[in-house]
Amino acid sequence: MALLILVPVACLANSCLAPVRPFLPNDSQAASEYADIIRRDFQIYIKDVQEYFRCLEQERARAFEEAREVSQDYGRFLELVGD
């Protein structure tokens, strides 16, 4: 528990990593030869980017709630010091 006090809060925030854009060859022959792999890469990307968007929305909600709490803390601080 004592270690959690030492860990910066920013480290506890979610890290939303954007998926890597799938490669699409310019050569139609290569695209045909590797169609199954390319199709799979695009399907994985679509699934991953949807998860990425969900992560960003969750992180936004978390950060908004944290900002609300910090704002309340600041208000209490100002009351304490009489500013």
PDB file of N, CA and C in Angstrom:
ATOM      1  N   MET A   1       0.822  -1.197   0.000  1.00  0.00           N
ATOM      2  CA  MET A   1       0.000   0.000   0.000  1.00  0.00           C
ATOM      3  C   MET A   1       0.869   1.265   0.000  1.00  0.00           C
ATOM      4  N   ALA A   2       1.940   1.213   0.760  1.00  0.00           N
ATOM      5  CA  ALA A   2       2.823   2.377   0.818  1.00  0.00           C
ATOM      6  C   ALA A   2       3.431   2.694  -0.531  1.00  0.00           C
ATOM      7  N   LEU A   3       3.676   1.666  -1.341  1.00  0.00           N
ATOM      8  CA  LEU A   3       4.242   1.898  -2.675  1.00  0.00           C
ATOM      9  C   LEU A   3       3.269   2.640  -3.574  1.00  0.00           C
ATOM     10  N   LEU A   4       1.982   2.401  -3.410  1.00  0.00           N
ATOM     11  CA  LEU A   4       0.997   3.093  -4.241  1.00  0.00           C
ATOM     12  C   LEU A   4       1.029   4.594  -4.021  1.00  0.00           C
ATOM     13  N   ILE A   5       1.375   4.999  -2.827  1.00  0.00           N
ATOM     14  CA  ILE A   5       1.473   6.432  -2.537  1.00  0.00           C
ATOM     15  C   ILE A   5       2.616   7.059  -3.316  1.00  0.00           C
ATOM     16  N   LEU A   6       3.666   6.287  -3.552  1.00  0.00           N
ATOM     17  CA  LEU A   6       4.844   6.803  -4.244  1.00  0.00           C
ATOM     18  C   LEU A   6       4.700   6.803  -5.763  1.00  0.00           C
ATOM     19  N   VAL A   7       3.753   6.038  -6.293  1.00  0.00           N
ATOM     20  CA  VAL A   7       3.573   5.938  -7.745  1.00  0.00           C
ATOM     21  C   VAL A   7       2.763   7.132  -8.218  1.00  0.00           C
ATOM     22  N   PRO A   8       3.271   7.872  -9.190  1.00  0.00           N
ATOM     23  CA  PRO A   8       2.501   9.008  -9.712  1.00  0.00           C
ATOM     24  C   PRO A   8       1.169   8.551 -10.285  1.00  0.00           C
ATOM     25  N   VAL A   9       0.158   9.367 -10.072  1.00  0.00           N
ATOM     26  CA  VAL A   9      -1.185   9.027 -10.527  1.00  0.00           C
ATOM     27  C   VAL A   9      -1.222   8.835 -12.042  1.00  0.00           C
ATOM     28  N   ALA A  10      -0.429   9.590 -12.780  1.00  0.00           N
ATOM     29  CA  ALA A  10      -0.425   9.479 -14.241  1.00  0.00           C
ATOM     30  C   ALA A  10      -0.082   8.069 -14.692  1.00  0.00           C
ATOM     31  N   CYS A  11       0.738   7.374 -13.916  1.00  0.00           N
ATOM     32  CA  CYS A  11       1.106   6.005 -14.277  1.00  0.00           C
ATOM     33  C   CYS A  11      -0.072   5.058 -14.151  1.00  0.00           C
ATOM     34  N   LEU A  12      -1.052   5.430 -13.345  1.00  0.00           N
ATOM     35  CA  LEU A  12      -2.214   4.572 -13.153  1.00  0.00           C
ATOM     36  C   LEU A  12      -3.247   4.761 -14.251  1.00  0.00           C
ATOM     37  N   ALA A  13      -3.104   5.782 -15.052  1.00  0.00           N
ATOM     38  CA  ALA A  13      -4.049   6.041 -16.134  1.00  0.00           C
ATOM     39  C   ALA A  13      -3.899   4.986 -17.231  1.00  0.00           C
ATOM     40  N   ASN A  14      -4.994   4.768 -17.937  1.00  0.00           N
ATOM     41  CA  ASN A  14      -4.954   3.812 -19.044  1.00  0.00           C
ATOM     42  C   ASN A  14      -4.040   4.324 -20.145  1.00  0.00           C
ATOM     43  N   SER A  15      -3.369   3.394 -20.780  1.00  0.00           N
ATOM     44  CA  SER A  15      -2.566   3.732 -21.945  1.00  0.00           C
ATOM     45  C   SER A  15      -3.260   3.151 -23.163  1.00  0.00           C
ATOM     46  N   CYS A  16      -3.805   4.001 -23.967  1.00  0.00           N
ATOM     47  CA  CYS A  16      -4.506   3.569 -25.172  1.00  0.00           C
ATOM     48  C   CYS A  16      -3.517   3.661 -26.331  1.00  0.00           C
ATOM     49  N   LEU A  17      -3.159   2.530 -26.858  1.00  0.00           N
ATOM     50  CA  LEU A  17      -2.208   2.502 -27.960  1.00  0.00           C
ATOM     51  C   LEU A  17      -2.943   2.283 -29.276  1.00  0.00           C
ATOM     52  N   ALA A  18      -2.728   3.188 -30.199  1.00  0.00           N
ATOM     53  CA  ALA A  18      -3.380   3.079 -31.506  1.00  0.00           C
ATOM     54  C   ALA A  18      -2.821   1.874 -32.258  1.00  0.00           C
ATOM     55  N   PRO A  19      -3.691   1.150 -32.950  1.00  0.00           N
ATOM     56  CA  PRO A  19      -3.191   0.012 -33.731  1.00  0.00           C
ATOM     57  C   PRO A  19      -2.397   0.480 -34.937  1.00  0.00           C
ATOM     58  N   VAL A  20      -1.531  -0.394 -35.395  1.00  0.00           N
ATOM     59  CA  VAL A  20      -0.717  -0.093 -36.571  1.00  0.00           C
ATOM     60  C   VAL A  20      -1.576  -0.255 -37.818  1.00  0.00           C
ATOM     61  N   ARG A  21      -1.500   0.731 -38.687  1.00  0.00           N
ATOM     62  CA  ARG A  21      -2.265   0.696 -39.935  1.00  0.00           C
ATOM     63  C   ARG A  21      -1.794  -0.472 -40.797  1.00  0.00           C
ATOM     64  N   PRO A  22      -2.736  -1.240 -41.366  1.00  0.00           N
ATOM     65  CA  PRO A  22      -2.326  -2.385 -42.195  1.00  0.00           C
ATOM     66  C   PRO A  22      -1.665  -1.927 -43.499  1.00  0.00           C
ATOM     67  N   PHE A  23      -0.743  -2.750 -43.958  1.00  0.00           N
ATOM     68  CA  PHE A  23      -0.025  -2.463 -45.202  1.00  0.00           C
ATOM     69  C   PHE A  23      -0.865  -2.933 -46.389  1.00  0.00           C
ATOM     70  N   LEU A  24      -0.952  -2.088 -47.385  1.00  0.00           N
ATOM     71  CA  LEU A  24      -1.640  -2.434 -48.625  1.00  0.00           C
ATOM     72  C   LEU A  24      -0.665  -2.219 -49.775  1.00  0.00           C
ATOM     73  N   PRO A  25      -0.240  -3.305 -50.414  1.00  0.00           N
ATOM     74  CA  PRO A  25       0.716  -3.142 -51.511  1.00  0.00           C
ATOM     75  C   PRO A  25       0.075  -2.428 -52.705  1.00  0.00           C
ATOM     76  N   ASN A  26       0.901  -1.670 -53.419  1.00  0.00           N
ATOM     77  CA  ASN A  26       0.430  -0.988 -54.625  1.00  0.00           C
ATOM     78  C   ASN A  26       0.322  -1.940 -55.808  1.00  0.00           C
ATOM     79  N   ASP A  27       1.048  -3.013 -55.739  1.00  0.00           N
ATOM     80  CA  ASP A  27       1.103  -3.996 -56.818  1.00  0.00           C
ATOM     81  C   ASP A  27      -0.088  -4.953 -56.715  1.00  0.00           C
ATOM     82  N   SER A  28      -0.918  -5.003 -57.748  1.00  0.00           N
ATOM     83  CA  SER A  28      -2.103  -5.850 -57.717  1.00  0.00           C
ATOM     84  C   SER A  28      -1.758  -7.335 -57.648  1.00  0.00           C
ATOM     85  N   GLN A  29      -0.633  -7.722 -58.236  1.00  0.00           N
ATOM     86  CA  GLN A  29      -0.225  -9.125 -58.170  1.00  0.00           C
ATOM     87  C   GLN A  29       0.125  -9.506 -56.729  1.00  0.00           C
ATOM     88  N   ALA A  30       0.873  -8.657 -56.053  1.00  0.00           N
ATOM     89  CA  ALA A  30       1.216  -8.919 -54.655  1.00  0.00           C
ATOM     90  C   ALA A  30      -0.043  -8.921 -53.796  1.00  0.00           C
ATOM     91  N   ALA A  31      -0.965  -8.007 -54.086  1.00  0.00           N
ATOM     92  CA  ALA A  31      -2.217  -7.959 -53.334  1.00  0.00           C
ATOM     93  C   ALA A  31      -2.993  -9.264 -53.520  1.00  0.00           C
ATOM     94  N   SER A  32      -3.010  -9.778 -54.725  1.00  0.00           N
ATOM     95  CA  SER A  32      -3.702 -11.049 -54.989  1.00  0.00           C
ATOM     96  C   SER A  32      -3.005 -12.214 -54.304  1.00  0.00           C
ATOM     97  N   GLU A  33      -1.695 -12.244 -54.375  1.00  0.00           N
ATOM     98  CA  GLU A  33      -0.927 -13.336 -53.771  1.00  0.00           C
ATOM     99  C   GLU A  33      -1.096 -13.388 -52.257  1.00  0.00           C
ATOM    100  N   TYR A  34      -1.176 -12.230 -51.649  1.00  0.00           N
ATOM    101  CA  TYR A  34      -1.246 -12.158 -50.190  1.00  0.00           C
ATOM    102  C   TYR A  34      -2.623 -11.716 -49.694  1.00  0.00           C
ATOM    103  N   ALA A  35      -3.642 -11.949 -50.499  1.00  0.00           N
ATOM    104  CA  ALA A  35      -4.994 -11.477 -50.188  1.00  0.00           C
ATOM    105  C   ALA A  35      -5.478 -11.962 -48.824  1.00  0.00           C
ATOM    106  N   ASP A  36      -5.252 -13.220 -48.506  1.00  0.00           N
ATOM    107  CA  ASP A  36      -5.721 -13.753 -47.217  1.00  0.00           C
ATOM    108  C   ASP A  36      -5.044 -13.045 -46.045  1.00  0.00           C
ATOM    109  N   ILE A  37      -3.747 -12.844 -46.159  1.00  0.00           N
ATOM    110  CA  ILE A  37      -3.002 -12.172 -45.088  1.00  0.00           C
ATOM    111  C   ILE A  37      -3.445 -10.721 -44.962  1.00  0.00           C
ATOM    112  N   ILE A  38      -3.582 -10.048 -46.095  1.00  0.00           N
ATOM    113  CA  ILE A  38      -3.985  -8.631 -46.085  1.00  0.00           C
ATOM    114  C   ILE A  38      -5.393  -8.494 -45.525  1.00  0.00           C
ATOM    115  N   ARG A  39      -6.293  -9.363 -45.944  1.00  0.00           N
ATOM    116  CA  ARG A  39      -7.675  -9.348 -45.439  1.00  0.00           C
ATOM    117  C   ARG A  39      -7.677  -9.527 -43.921  1.00  0.00           C
ATOM    118  N   ARG A  40      -6.893 -10.495 -43.434  1.00  0.00           N
ATOM    119  CA  ARG A  40      -6.812 -10.732 -41.995  1.00  0.00           C
ATOM    120  C   ARG A  40      -6.256  -9.506 -41.271  1.00  0.00           C
ATOM    121  N   ASP A  41      -5.224  -8.886 -41.837  1.00  0.00           N
ATOM    122  CA  ASP A  41      -4.644  -7.689 -41.232  1.00  0.00           C
ATOM    123  C   ASP A  41      -5.675  -6.565 -41.113  1.00  0.00           C
ATOM    124  N   PHE A  42      -6.486  -6.386 -42.145  1.00  0.00           N
ATOM    125  CA  PHE A  42      -7.510  -5.352 -42.096  1.00  0.00           C
ATOM    126  C   PHE A  42      -8.584  -5.690 -41.066  1.00  0.00           C
ATOM    127  N   GLN A  43      -8.978  -6.941 -40.983  1.00  0.00           N
ATOM    128  CA  GLN A  43      -9.982  -7.349 -39.997  1.00  0.00           C
ATOM    129  C   GLN A  43      -9.465  -7.153 -38.576  1.00  0.00           C
ATOM    130  N   ILE A  44      -8.211  -7.504 -38.355  1.00  0.00           N
ATOM    131  CA  ILE A  44      -7.599  -7.297 -37.038  1.00  0.00           C
ATOM    132  C   ILE A  44      -7.532  -5.812 -36.718  1.00  0.00           C
ATOM    133  N   TYR A  45      -7.151  -5.014 -37.719  1.00  0.00           N
ATOM    134  CA  TYR A  45      -7.072  -3.564 -37.502  1.00  0.00           C
ATOM    135  C   TYR A  45      -8.440  -3.004 -37.114  1.00  0.00           C
ATOM    136  N   ILE A  46      -9.475  -3.406 -37.814  1.00  0.00           N
ATOM    137  CA  ILE A  46     -10.827  -2.895 -37.529  1.00  0.00           C
ATOM    138  C   ILE A  46     -11.246  -3.265 -36.109  1.00  0.00           C
ATOM    139  N   LYS A  47     -10.970  -4.491 -35.692  1.00  0.00           N
ATOM    140  CA  LYS A  47     -11.286  -4.920 -34.327  1.00  0.00           C
ATOM    141  C   LYS A  47     -10.465  -4.101 -33.326  1.00  0.00           C
ATOM    142  N   ASP A  48      -9.175  -3.968 -33.596  1.00  0.00           N
ATOM    143  CA  ASP A  48      -8.288  -3.247 -32.682  1.00  0.00           C
ATOM    144  C   ASP A  48      -8.618  -1.760 -32.590  1.00  0.00           C
ATOM    145  N   VAL A  49      -9.001  -1.147 -33.702  1.00  0.00           N
ATOM    146  CA  VAL A  49      -9.298   0.287 -33.662  1.00  0.00           C
ATOM    147  C   VAL A  49     -10.597   0.528 -32.892  1.00  0.00           C
ATOM    148  N   GLN A  50     -11.526  -0.416 -32.941  1.00  0.00           N
ATOM    149  CA  GLN A  50     -12.744  -0.289 -32.139  1.00  0.00           C
ATOM    150  C   GLN A  50     -12.403  -0.366 -30.650  1.00  0.00           C
ATOM    151  N   GLU A  51     -11.512  -1.277 -30.275  1.00  0.00           N
ATOM    152  CA  GLU A  51     -11.051  -1.367 -28.882  1.00  0.00           C
ATOM    153  C   GLU A  51     -10.317  -0.089 -28.475  1.00  0.00           C
ATOM    154  N   TYR A  52      -9.541   0.454 -29.396  1.00  0.00           N
ATOM    155  CA  TYR A  52      -8.811   1.699 -29.148  1.00  0.00           C
ATOM    156  C   TYR A  52      -9.780   2.844 -28.858  1.00  0.00           C
ATOM    157  N   PHE A  53     -10.839   2.954 -29.668  1.00  0.00           N
ATOM    158  CA  PHE A  53     -11.837   4.000 -29.442  1.00  0.00           C
ATOM    159  C   PHE A  53     -12.516   3.822 -28.080  1.00  0.00           C
ATOM    160  N   ARG A  54     -12.827   2.574 -27.699  1.00  0.00           N
ATOM    161  CA  ARG A  54     -13.422   2.325 -26.391  1.00  0.00           C
ATOM    162  C   ARG A  54     -12.463   2.736 -25.270  1.00  0.00           C
ATOM    163  N   CYS A  55     -11.198   2.414 -25.453  1.00  0.00           N
ATOM    164  CA  CYS A  55     -10.185   2.788 -24.463  1.00  0.00           C
ATOM    165  C   CYS A  55     -10.109   4.309 -24.324  1.00  0.00           C
ATOM    166  N   LEU A  56     -10.093   5.019 -25.443  1.00  0.00           N
ATOM    167  CA  LEU A  56     -10.028   6.480 -25.398  1.00  0.00           C
ATOM    168  C   LEU A  56     -11.243   7.060 -24.678  1.00  0.00           C
ATOM    169  N   GLU A  57     -12.411   6.493 -24.929  1.00  0.00           N
ATOM    170  CA  GLU A  57     -13.625   6.988 -24.269  1.00  0.00           C
ATOM    171  C   GLU A  57     -13.580   6.726 -22.771  1.00  0.00           C
ATOM    172  N   GLN A  58     -13.084   5.548 -22.384  1.00  0.00           N
ATOM    173  CA  GLN A  58     -12.957   5.236 -20.958  1.00  0.00           C
ATOM    174  C   GLN A  58     -11.945   6.159 -20.295  1.00  0.00           C
ATOM    175  N   GLU A  59     -10.834   6.392 -20.964  1.00  0.00           N
ATOM    176  CA  GLU A  59      -9.806   7.276 -20.411  1.00  0.00           C
ATOM    177  C   GLU A  59     -10.323   8.704 -20.312  1.00  0.00           C
ATOM    178  N   ARG A  60     -11.093   9.135 -21.292  1.00  0.00           N
ATOM    179  CA  ARG A  60     -11.682  10.475 -21.252  1.00  0.00           C
ATOM    180  C   ARG A  60     -12.617  10.600 -20.050  1.00  0.00           C
ATOM    181  N   ALA A  61     -13.454   9.593 -19.839  1.00  0.00           N
ATOM    182  CA  ALA A  61     -14.379   9.614 -18.706  1.00  0.00           C
ATOM    183  C   ALA A  61     -13.607   9.622 -17.382  1.00  0.00           C
ATOM    184  N   ARG A  62     -12.546   8.819 -17.297  1.00  0.00           N
ATOM    185  CA  ARG A  62     -11.732   8.769 -16.087  1.00  0.00           C
ATOM    186  C   ARG A  62     -11.076  10.123 -15.821  1.00  0.00           C
ATOM    187  N   ALA A  63     -10.503  10.715 -16.869  1.00  0.00           N
ATOM    188  CA  ALA A  63      -9.818  11.999 -16.725  1.00  0.00           C
ATOM    189  C   ALA A  63     -10.811  13.108 -16.360  1.00  0.00           C
ATOM    190  N   PHE A  64     -12.002  13.062 -16.921  1.00  0.00           N
ATOM    191  CA  PHE A  64     -13.024  14.061 -16.612  1.00  0.00           C
ATOM    192  C   PHE A  64     -13.411  13.964 -15.137  1.00  0.00           C
ATOM    193  N   GLU A  65     -13.607  12.735 -14.650  1.00  0.00           N
ATOM    194  CA  GLU A  65     -13.954  12.532 -13.244  1.00  0.00           C
ATOM    195  C   GLU A  65     -12.808  12.999 -12.338  1.00  0.00           C
ATOM    196  N   GLU A  66     -11.590  12.668 -12.716  1.00  0.00           N
ATOM    197  CA  GLU A  66     -10.437  13.113 -11.933  1.00  0.00           C
ATOM    198  C   GLU A  66     -10.364  14.639 -11.897  1.00  0.00           C
ATOM    199  N   ALA A  67     -10.585  15.287 -13.021  1.00  0.00           N
ATOM    200  CA  ALA A  67     -10.541  16.752 -13.080  1.00  0.00           C
ATOM    201  C   ALA A  67     -11.628  17.358 -12.186  1.00  0.00           C
ATOM    202  N   ARG A  68     -12.798  16.723 -12.156  1.00  0.00           N
ATOM    203  CA  ARG A  68     -13.879  17.196 -11.287  1.00  0.00           C
ATOM    204  C   ARG A  68     -13.453  17.091  -9.816  1.00  0.00           C
ATOM    205  N   GLU A  69     -12.861  15.942  -9.458  1.00  0.00           N
ATOM    206  CA  GLU A  69     -12.409  15.740  -8.075  1.00  0.00           C
ATOM    207  C   GLU A  69     -11.305  16.725  -7.705  1.00  0.00           C
ATOM    208  N   VAL A  70     -10.364  16.949  -8.615  1.00  0.00           N
ATOM    209  CA  VAL A  70      -9.262  17.886  -8.346  1.00  0.00           C
ATOM    210  C   VAL A  70      -9.810  19.299  -8.182  1.00  0.00           C
ATOM    211  N   SER A  71     -10.799  19.648  -8.980  1.00  0.00           N
ATOM    212  CA  SER A  71     -11.415  20.964  -8.863  1.00  0.00           C
ATOM    213  C   SER A  71     -12.062  21.130  -7.486  1.00  0.00           C
ATOM    214  N   GLN A  72     -12.725  20.081  -7.009  1.00  0.00           N
ATOM    215  CA  GLN A  72     -13.321  20.132  -5.671  1.00  0.00           C
ATOM    216  C   GLN A  72     -12.227  20.229  -4.600  1.00  0.00           C
ATOM    217  N   ASP A  73     -11.154  19.458  -4.773  1.00  0.00           N
ATOM    218  CA  ASP A  73     -10.028  19.529  -3.839  1.00  0.00           C
ATOM    219  C   ASP A  73      -9.455  20.946  -3.795  1.00  0.00           C
ATOM    220  N   TYR A  74      -9.335  21.568  -4.948  1.00  0.00           N
ATOM    221  CA  TYR A  74      -8.787  22.916  -5.008  1.00  0.00           C
ATOM    222  C   TYR A  74      -9.705  23.898  -4.277  1.00  0.00           C
ATOM    223  N   GLY A  75     -10.997  23.716  -4.452  1.00  0.00           N
ATOM    224  CA  GLY A  75     -11.953  24.561  -3.735  1.00  0.00           C
ATOM    225  C   GLY A  75     -11.798  24.413  -2.230  1.00  0.00           C
ATOM    226  N   ARG A  76     -11.630  23.175  -1.747  1.00  0.00           N
ATOM    227  CA  ARG A  76     -11.419  22.953  -0.314  1.00  0.00           C
ATOM    228  C   ARG A  76     -10.095  23.577   0.141  1.00  0.00           C
ATOM    229  N   PHE A  77      -9.076  23.469  -0.688  1.00  0.00           N
ATOM    230  CA  PHE A  77      -7.782  24.073  -0.378  1.00  0.00           C
ATOM    231  C   PHE A  77      -7.928  25.593  -0.215  1.00  0.00           C
ATOM    232  N   LEU A  78      -8.616  26.214  -1.161  1.00  0.00           N
ATOM    233  CA  LEU A  78      -8.787  27.664  -1.090  1.00  0.00           C
ATOM    234  C   LEU A  78      -9.543  28.071   0.153  1.00  0.00           C
ATOM    235  N   GLU A  79     -10.508  27.266   0.567  1.00  0.00           N
ATOM    236  CA  GLU A  79     -11.232  27.552   1.804  1.00  0.00           C
ATOM    237  C   GLU A  79     -10.301  27.459   3.026  1.00  0.00           C
ATOM    238  N   LEU A  80      -9.409  26.455   2.982  1.00  0.00           N
ATOM    239  CA  LEU A  80      -8.469  26.253   4.096  1.00  0.00           C
ATOM    240  C   LEU A  80      -7.500  27.421   4.261  1.00  0.00           C
ATOM    241  N   VAL A  81      -6.998  27.926   3.144  1.00  0.00           N
ATOM    242  CA  VAL A  81      -5.998  28.998   3.221  1.00  0.00           C
ATOM    243  C   VAL A  81      -6.625  30.390   3.195  1.00  0.00           C
ATOM    244  N   GLY A  82      -7.932  30.440   3.018  1.00  0.00           N
ATOM    245  CA  GLY A  82      -8.630  31.725   3.082  1.00  0.00           C
ATOM    246  C   GLY A  82      -8.482  32.597   1.872  1.00  0.00           C
ATOM    247  N   ASP A  83      -8.199  32.033   0.689  1.00  0.00           N
ATOM    248  CA  ASP A  83      -8.072  32.860  -0.543  1.00  0.00           C
ATOM    249  C   ASP A  83      -9.389  32.963  -1.225  1.00  0.00           C
TER     250      ASP A  83
END
